[in-house]
Amino acid sequence: MRWGLLVLATLTLGGCGWFDFSIAPEPEPEPEIVGGLSFKNLTLRQTNDQGELLWQLKAAEAEYKDDRRIVEVKNLTGELLDQGEPVYKVEAKDVQVQQQGDRLVLKGKTTVTDLRDKGTLVADQFTWEGEKDLLRAQDNLNVAYPEAEVTAEELQADGRKDELRATGKVRVISEEEAVEDLRLTTESLVWQRSQEVLVAGGEGGGVLVERLNGDQVGDRASGEELRWNLETNRLLFLGDVQVRLQEPDLMANAEELEWRIDDQELVSDRPVRLNYIAQGIQAQGQRGVMLIGENRAILEGRVQVNSEAHQAQLQAQSVTWRIPQGEVIGQGSVQINRLGAILRSQQLTWRIAQQEIVASGNVFYRQGNPFVQIRGNQATGWLEEQRVVVTGRVETQILPPRPN
């Protein structure tokens, strides 16, 4: 039987919706019926009530299965459309095509190109809801955009909200040069495309960000939630935040902390704790900045610095800590304690390894046995030896040693 230049067949699949099969005029090849319900050079179309195309697919070969509800297709190409405009391009070698109402289901390895944002999605199953501009993908899922690559168990691309939602073993690797070595792991991710922000964690579980160096993991940060701005390269962690740096070997803890990649800074406007593991020194304040490139931390608001090895503690309104050098500079109502000895001043530099102090401004020093109390303008001393030299309008009080 010879077919004319245009063949149109309307078939009902699963009791709802319909496929429109057609072939354009020459020079495109005409459809050929190979068997009872096998076709070659087939075009599959679906429209909504307004006559707008929801999808248009072309297949080199197609064969109906399962009571005409499933079409086995080879060499599939086509477009998924929203309000009559193509938004995704589809390509597949060997897939099943199913219609479920106004939804299109593709089963089999398929590559979908995001025409709006220049991304590529590859998965073994896609579902397209054209009336909602909603694309779902699952099974062996990989998503690549210029900014980042995403793998997950399931993904929804919501064109109405302009966001991607990924769930289940989500991993994100940034493609931006400044942060191309960062990897995010979580169970729940929302990529707000228009704002270029990744929102991860929350009720779906926590987040982990790692800096990769080949097969090795370097700096890492974790928390309950994360907001990652892809434009500014700033990562805001919320809830039980912990950051572990490799150089220096430092751990930071806070309820809220921002990792500013470009500036090489960790910033917290909430209470923050720092632990320099190599030297057994801990510091905490109401807010703080860690200048990673300078190996320096600045803490403000009721600051405390503890040296476990020397059983000494410093308190101040603000502190600048040169971490590898073990030097702490305190400002504003500074007090340092060690084994019953106390020194107060307005400014104090503490060289922890040497237990050397240099203080200035309303200096007050007191030790217990023998009891010595001194006031002056400046002081230099060594805490372990309980030896302090005070100068400038000195007032001294000395009592004899207490009997044993």
Protein backbone atom coordinates (compact mmCIF):
# COMPACT_ATOMS: atom_id res chain seq x y z
CA MET A 1 0.00 0.00 0.00
CA ARG A 2 1.36 3.42 -0.95
CA TRP A 3 0.83 6.34 1.46
CA GLY A 4 0.29 9.95 0.38
CA LEU A 5 2.48 12.90 1.22
CA LEU A 6 0.79 13.51 4.59
CA VAL A 7 -0.35 10.75 6.94
CA LEU A 8 -2.19 11.60 10.16
CA ALA A 9 -3.13 8.95 12.74
CA THR A 10 -4.73 9.60 16.11
CA LEU A 11 -4.49 6.80 18.72
CA THR A 12 -5.67 6.67 22.32
CA LEU A 13 -3.05 5.56 24.84
CA GLY A 14 -4.10 4.29 28.21
CA GLY A 15 -7.56 5.86 27.91
CA CYS A 16 -6.36 9.52 28.04
CA GLY A 17 -4.49 11.97 25.85
CA TRP A 18 -3.35 11.29 22.32
CA PHE A 19 -0.38 11.16 20.01
CA ASP A 20 -0.46 12.80 16.61
CA PHE A 21 1.64 10.96 14.05
CA SER A 22 2.54 12.81 10.88
CA ILE A 23 5.07 13.11 8.13
CA ALA A 24 5.87 16.37 6.40
CA PRO A 25 5.80 16.67 2.62
CA GLU A 26 8.74 15.70 0.48
CA PRO A 27 11.69 15.49 0.59
CA GLU A 28 11.28 13.86 4.05
CA PRO A 29 10.67 10.10 3.79
CA GLU A 30 7.12 8.86 4.10
CA PRO A 31 6.05 6.62 6.98
CA GLU A 32 6.11 2.94 6.22
CA ILE A 33 4.12 0.31 8.11
CA VAL A 34 6.47 -2.56 8.73
CA GLY A 35 4.17 -4.77 10.75
CA GLY A 36 0.82 -4.51 12.43
CA LEU A 37 1.80 -1.50 14.58
CA SER A 38 5.37 -0.76 13.62
CA PHE A 39 6.34 2.48 11.96
CA LYS A 40 9.34 4.17 10.42
CA ASN A 41 10.10 7.89 10.23
CA LEU A 42 7.43 8.84 12.74
CA THR A 43 6.57 12.22 14.29
CA LEU A 44 4.88 12.27 17.71
CA ARG A 45 3.09 15.43 18.78
CA GLN A 46 0.94 16.50 21.70
CA THR A 47 -1.02 19.75 22.13
CA ASN A 48 -3.00 21.28 24.98
CA ASP A 49 -6.57 22.62 24.90
CA GLN A 50 -5.33 25.90 23.40
CA GLY A 51 -3.66 24.07 20.55
CA GLU A 52 -0.14 24.80 21.82
CA LEU A 53 2.45 22.08 21.30
CA LEU A 54 3.64 20.37 24.51
CA TRP A 55 6.13 18.13 22.74
CA GLN A 56 7.20 17.14 19.27
CA LEU A 57 9.34 14.03 18.80
CA LYS A 58 10.71 12.26 15.73
CA ALA A 59 11.64 8.60 15.63
CA ALA A 60 13.45 6.58 12.98
CA GLU A 61 11.51 3.47 14.12
CA ALA A 62 8.60 2.93 16.50
CA GLU A 63 6.59 -0.07 17.64
CA TYR A 64 3.60 -0.28 19.97
CA LYS A 65 3.67 -2.53 23.07
CA ASP A 66 1.37 -3.34 25.98
CA ASP A 67 -2.03 -2.64 24.49
CA ARG A 68 -0.79 0.46 22.64
CA ARG A 69 0.12 2.29 25.84
CA ILE A 70 3.89 2.08 25.29
CA VAL A 71 5.84 2.92 22.16
CA GLU A 72 9.30 1.44 21.66
CA VAL A 73 11.33 4.06 19.81
CA LYS A 74 14.76 4.07 18.17
CA ASN A 75 16.84 7.15 17.33
CA LEU A 76 14.56 9.63 19.01
CA THR A 77 15.02 13.38 18.62
CA GLY A 78 12.69 16.24 19.41
CA GLU A 79 11.67 19.17 21.56
CA LEU A 80 9.70 19.77 24.75
CA LEU A 81 7.77 23.03 24.61
CA ASP A 82 6.28 25.55 27.02
CA GLN A 83 3.61 27.92 25.71
CA GLY A 84 4.58 26.91 22.22
CA GLU A 85 8.30 27.70 22.67
CA PRO A 86 11.00 24.98 22.72
CA VAL A 87 12.65 24.78 26.15
CA TYR A 88 14.36 21.37 25.98
CA LYS A 89 15.92 19.32 23.20
CA VAL A 90 15.65 15.51 23.49
CA GLU A 91 17.91 12.80 22.09
CA ALA A 92 17.91 9.04 22.70
CA LYS A 93 19.00 5.87 20.92
CA ASP A 94 16.54 3.35 22.29
CA VAL A 95 13.69 4.34 24.64
CA GLN A 96 10.11 3.63 25.64
CA VAL A 97 7.65 6.49 25.16
CA GLN A 98 4.53 6.64 27.31
CA GLN A 99 1.74 9.18 27.54
CA GLN A 100 -0.09 9.61 30.86
CA GLY A 101 -2.66 12.32 30.32
CA ASP A 102 -0.73 15.47 29.47
CA ARG A 103 2.50 13.91 30.74
CA LEU A 104 5.19 12.39 28.58
CA VAL A 105 7.38 9.61 30.02
CA LEU A 106 10.66 8.52 28.45
CA LYS A 107 12.32 5.36 29.80
CA GLY A 108 15.83 4.54 28.69
CA LYS A 109 19.05 6.55 28.59
CA THR A 110 18.11 9.98 27.30
CA THR A 111 19.99 13.26 26.91
CA VAL A 112 18.00 16.44 27.43
CA THR A 113 19.49 19.85 26.63
CA ASP A 114 18.20 22.88 28.54
CA LEU A 115 17.85 25.51 25.82
CA ARG A 116 17.27 28.37 28.28
CA ASP A 117 20.23 27.88 30.61
CA LYS A 118 22.58 25.86 28.38
CA GLY A 119 22.62 22.77 30.57
CA THR A 120 22.63 19.05 29.83
CA LEU A 121 20.64 16.42 31.74
CA VAL A 122 21.25 12.69 31.29
CA ALA A 123 19.09 10.05 32.99
CA ASP A 124 17.34 6.74 32.41
CA GLN A 125 13.87 8.19 32.97
CA PHE A 126 12.30 11.57 32.24
CA THR A 127 8.76 12.81 32.81
CA TRP A 128 7.60 16.02 31.12
CA GLU A 129 4.54 17.95 32.31
CA GLY A 130 4.27 20.60 29.64
CA GLU A 131 1.36 22.49 31.17
CA LYS A 132 3.49 23.07 34.30
CA ASP A 133 6.86 23.49 32.54
CA LEU A 134 8.09 20.76 34.87
CA LEU A 135 10.70 18.16 33.94
CA ARG A 136 11.46 15.24 36.25
CA ALA A 137 14.52 13.01 35.94
CA GLN A 138 15.71 9.92 37.82
CA ASP A 139 17.96 6.85 37.63
CA ASN A 140 21.64 7.28 36.69
CA LEU A 141 21.14 11.02 36.75
CA ASN A 142 23.82 13.52 35.82
CA VAL A 143 23.25 17.25 35.30
CA ALA A 144 25.86 19.65 33.91
CA TYR A 145 25.56 23.43 33.68
CA PRO A 146 28.32 25.99 33.09
CA GLU A 147 28.34 26.80 36.82
CA ALA A 148 28.22 23.32 38.35
CA GLU A 149 27.69 19.60 37.83
CA VAL A 150 25.04 17.77 39.87
CA THR A 151 24.38 14.09 40.50
CA ALA A 152 21.38 12.84 42.49
CA GLU A 153 18.75 10.12 42.66
CA GLU A 154 15.97 12.43 41.48
CA LEU A 155 15.69 15.92 40.04
CA GLN A 156 12.92 18.35 39.12
CA ALA A 157 13.53 21.25 36.75
CA ASP A 158 10.75 23.76 37.44
CA GLY A 159 10.58 26.39 34.70
CA ARG A 160 7.84 28.38 36.44
CA LYS A 161 9.99 28.91 39.55
CA ASP A 162 13.25 28.85 37.58
CA GLU A 163 14.82 26.36 39.94
CA LEU A 164 16.24 22.84 40.06
CA ARG A 165 15.33 20.56 42.98
CA ALA A 166 17.48 17.50 43.60
CA THR A 167 17.03 14.81 46.26
CA GLY A 168 18.82 11.65 47.34
CA LYS A 169 22.63 11.35 47.50
CA VAL A 170 23.10 14.77 45.96
CA ARG A 171 26.59 15.85 44.93
CA VAL A 172 27.54 19.19 43.42
CA ILE A 173 30.96 20.01 41.98
CA SER A 174 31.50 23.62 41.00
CA GLU A 175 32.76 24.39 37.50
CA GLU A 176 33.79 27.96 38.33
CA GLU A 177 37.56 28.41 38.27
CA ALA A 178 37.80 29.97 41.74
CA VAL A 179 35.90 27.11 43.39
CA GLU A 180 36.31 24.25 40.94
CA ASP A 181 37.84 22.11 43.68
CA LEU A 182 34.78 22.30 45.98
CA ARG A 183 32.32 19.41 46.34
CA LEU A 184 28.96 19.64 48.11
CA THR A 185 27.28 16.52 49.48
CA THR A 186 23.71 16.58 50.82
CA GLU A 187 20.33 14.85 50.59
CA SER A 188 18.32 17.86 49.45
CA LEU A 189 19.19 20.72 47.12
CA VAL A 190 17.33 23.65 45.56
CA TRP A 191 19.20 25.55 42.86
CA GLN A 192 17.60 28.98 42.47
CA ARG A 193 18.72 29.63 38.91
CA SER A 194 17.78 33.31 38.60
CA GLN A 195 19.60 34.18 41.84
CA GLU A 196 22.44 31.71 41.25
CA VAL A 197 22.05 30.36 44.78
CA LEU A 198 22.24 26.75 45.99
CA VAL A 199 20.10 26.02 49.07
CA ALA A 200 20.98 22.66 50.63
CA GLY A 201 20.19 20.62 53.71
CA GLY A 202 17.44 21.57 56.12
CA GLU A 203 14.87 18.93 57.02
CA GLY A 204 16.29 16.66 54.32
CA GLY A 205 19.58 16.30 56.21
CA GLY A 206 22.83 18.19 56.69
CA VAL A 207 25.49 19.41 54.27
CA LEU A 208 29.19 18.75 53.75
CA VAL A 209 31.52 20.83 51.57
CA GLU A 210 35.01 19.54 50.84
CA ARG A 211 37.97 21.03 49.03
CA LEU A 212 39.46 18.40 46.74
CA ASN A 213 43.11 18.02 45.86
CA GLY A 214 43.16 15.18 43.39
CA ASP A 215 41.99 12.13 45.33
CA GLN A 216 42.71 13.83 48.65
CA VAL A 217 40.27 15.86 50.74
CA GLY A 218 41.59 19.09 52.23
CA ASP A 219 39.53 21.77 53.99
CA ARG A 220 35.98 20.77 54.86
CA ALA A 221 32.89 22.42 56.30
CA SER A 222 29.59 20.98 57.53
CA GLY A 223 26.32 22.24 58.94
CA GLU A 224 22.58 21.68 58.97
CA GLU A 225 21.89 24.09 56.09
CA LEU A 226 23.81 25.92 53.39
CA ARG A 227 23.23 28.89 51.08
CA TRP A 228 25.92 28.94 48.38
CA ASN A 229 26.00 32.06 46.22
CA LEU A 230 27.59 31.00 42.94
CA GLU A 231 28.20 34.58 41.82
CA THR A 232 30.02 35.82 44.94
CA ASN A 233 31.54 32.44 45.89
CA ARG A 234 30.26 32.82 49.43
CA LEU A 235 28.94 29.83 51.39
CA LEU A 236 26.73 30.57 54.40
CA PHE A 237 26.43 27.59 56.77
CA LEU A 238 23.67 27.47 59.38
CA GLY A 239 23.17 25.22 62.40
CA ASP A 240 25.93 23.29 64.21
CA VAL A 241 28.60 24.52 61.80
CA GLN A 242 32.06 22.96 61.86
CA VAL A 243 34.97 23.94 59.61
CA ARG A 244 38.26 22.04 59.55
CA LEU A 245 41.20 23.71 57.82
CA GLN A 246 44.35 21.89 56.82
CA GLU A 247 46.70 24.88 56.93
CA PRO A 248 46.74 25.94 59.66
CA ASP A 249 45.34 22.85 61.36
CA LEU A 250 42.37 24.70 62.79
CA MET A 251 38.78 23.82 63.68
CA ALA A 252 36.02 26.43 63.85
CA ASN A 253 32.56 25.91 65.37
CA ALA A 254 29.56 28.25 65.28
CA GLU A 255 25.81 28.30 64.73
CA GLU A 256 26.29 30.50 61.66
CA LEU A 257 29.43 30.93 59.60
CA GLU A 258 30.19 32.25 56.12
CA TRP A 259 33.06 30.87 54.05
CA ARG A 260 34.18 33.63 51.66
CA ILE A 261 36.22 31.74 49.10
CA ASP A 262 37.54 34.68 47.06
CA ASP A 263 38.56 36.62 50.19
CA GLN A 264 39.96 33.52 51.95
CA GLU A 265 37.93 34.31 55.05
CA LEU A 266 35.67 32.60 57.55
CA VAL A 267 33.24 35.12 59.05
CA SER A 268 30.72 34.69 61.87
CA ASP A 269 28.48 37.30 63.49
CA ARG A 270 27.43 34.70 66.05
CA PRO A 271 29.45 33.16 68.91
CA VAL A 272 32.38 31.25 67.42
CA ARG A 273 34.99 28.84 68.81
CA LEU A 274 38.41 28.16 67.34
CA ASN A 275 40.66 25.23 68.20
CA TYR A 276 44.27 25.15 67.07
CA ILE A 277 44.85 21.47 67.54
CA ALA A 278 48.62 21.41 66.95
CA GLN A 279 49.31 23.74 69.91
CA GLY A 280 46.32 22.90 72.10
CA ILE A 281 44.99 26.48 72.03
CA GLN A 282 41.28 27.33 72.05
CA ALA A 283 39.67 30.71 71.54
CA GLN A 284 36.09 31.93 71.54
CA GLY A 285 34.22 35.19 71.06
CA GLN A 286 30.82 36.61 70.24
CA ARG A 287 31.87 37.09 66.61
CA GLY A 288 34.98 36.60 64.58
CA VAL A 289 36.89 36.57 61.31
CA MET A 290 39.45 33.95 60.30
CA LEU A 291 41.86 35.34 57.67
CA ILE A 292 42.92 32.05 56.13
CA GLY A 293 45.56 33.46 53.79
CA GLU A 294 47.25 35.31 56.67
CA ASN A 295 46.84 32.53 59.26
CA ARG A 296 45.27 35.12 61.53
CA ALA A 297 42.01 35.32 63.49
CA ILE A 298 40.21 38.35 64.92
CA LEU A 299 37.64 37.78 67.69
CA GLU A 300 35.42 40.33 69.39
CA GLY A 301 33.05 40.39 72.35
CA ARG A 302 33.94 38.64 75.64
CA VAL A 303 36.88 36.85 74.07
CA GLN A 304 38.64 33.98 75.85
CA VAL A 305 41.88 32.28 74.79
CA ASN A 306 43.04 29.14 76.60
CA SER A 307 46.39 27.35 76.44
CA GLU A 308 45.98 23.83 77.80
CA ALA A 309 49.70 23.14 77.89
CA HIS A 310 50.44 26.25 79.98
CA GLN A 311 47.25 26.27 82.06
CA ALA A 312 46.74 29.90 81.18
CA GLN A 313 43.71 31.90 80.08
CA LEU A 314 43.33 35.35 78.53
CA GLN A 315 40.15 37.44 78.49
CA ALA A 316 39.61 40.62 76.46
CA GLN A 317 37.06 42.64 74.52
CA SER A 318 38.88 41.86 71.27
CA VAL A 319 41.79 39.66 70.24
CA THR A 320 44.04 39.32 67.21
CA TRP A 321 45.55 35.84 67.08
CA ARG A 322 48.55 35.10 64.86
CA ILE A 323 47.97 31.40 64.87
CA PRO A 324 51.18 29.58 63.81
CA GLN A 325 53.32 32.10 65.72
CA GLY A 326 51.26 31.53 68.85
CA GLU A 327 50.92 35.26 69.48
CA VAL A 328 47.76 36.79 70.93
CA ILE A 329 47.16 40.54 71.11
CA GLY A 330 44.30 41.52 73.42
CA GLN A 331 42.55 44.90 73.50
CA GLY A 332 40.12 46.40 76.01
CA SER A 333 39.98 45.25 79.67
CA VAL A 334 42.50 42.47 79.15
CA GLN A 335 43.10 39.91 81.88
CA ILE A 336 45.42 36.93 81.85
CA ASN A 337 45.45 34.23 84.54
CA ARG A 338 47.90 31.45 85.31
CA LEU A 339 48.09 29.37 88.49
CA GLY A 340 46.78 32.09 90.76
CA ALA A 341 48.66 34.95 89.09
CA ILE A 342 46.58 37.70 87.42
CA LEU A 343 47.61 40.55 85.17
CA ARG A 344 45.19 43.19 83.89
CA SER A 345 45.77 45.96 81.34
CA GLN A 346 44.19 47.80 78.43
CA GLN A 347 46.42 46.09 75.88
CA LEU A 348 48.46 42.94 76.15
CA THR A 349 50.59 40.79 73.86
CA TRP A 350 50.91 37.15 74.88
CA ARG A 351 53.56 34.97 73.23
CA ILE A 352 52.17 31.65 74.27
CA ALA A 353 55.08 29.28 73.66
CA GLN A 354 57.49 31.48 75.66
CA GLN A 355 54.79 32.52 78.16
CA GLU A 356 56.01 36.07 77.65
CA ILE A 357 53.70 39.04 78.12
CA VAL A 358 53.99 42.72 77.23
CA ALA A 359 51.24 44.91 78.68
CA SER A 360 50.37 48.60 78.67
CA GLY A 361 47.66 50.88 80.04
CA ASN A 362 46.50 50.69 83.69
CA VAL A 363 48.58 47.65 84.43
CA PHE A 364 47.64 45.62 87.51
CA TYR A 365 49.54 42.48 88.55
CA ARG A 366 48.85 40.17 91.47
CA GLN A 367 50.21 36.82 92.55
CA GLY A 368 49.37 34.66 95.53
CA ASN A 369 52.41 33.31 97.38
CA PRO A 370 54.27 35.39 98.18
CA PHE A 371 51.49 37.94 97.85
CA VAL A 372 52.54 40.73 95.49
CA GLN A 373 50.30 43.43 94.07
CA ILE A 374 51.68 46.01 91.63
CA ARG A 375 50.16 48.86 89.60
CA GLY A 376 51.81 50.80 86.82
CA ASN A 377 51.69 51.87 83.17
CA GLN A 378 53.64 49.09 81.44
CA ALA A 379 54.70 45.56 82.23
CA THR A 380 56.92 42.85 80.81
CA GLY A 381 57.05 39.38 82.24
CA TRP A 382 57.11 35.59 82.07
CA LEU A 383 54.10 33.88 83.59
CA GLU A 384 55.67 30.50 84.28
CA GLU A 385 58.40 32.14 86.36
CA GLN A 386 55.97 34.54 88.01
CA ARG A 387 58.41 37.27 87.06
CA VAL A 388 56.94 40.60 86.00
CA VAL A 389 58.60 43.99 85.63
CA VAL A 390 56.19 46.92 85.99
CA THR A 391 57.18 50.46 85.09
CA GLY A 392 55.62 53.93 85.09
CA ARG A 393 54.20 55.34 88.36
CA VAL A 394 54.54 52.02 90.11
CA GLU A 395 52.63 51.17 93.28
CA THR A 396 53.68 47.98 95.03
CA GLN A 397 52.28 45.97 97.91
CA ILE A 398 54.13 42.89 99.21
CA LEU A 399 53.10 40.55 101.99
CA PRO A 400 55.29 37.80 103.49
CA PRO A 401 54.79 34.24 102.24
CA ARG A 402 52.02 32.27 103.88
CA PRO A 403 53.19 29.60 106.29
CA ASN A 404 52.77 26.01 105.16
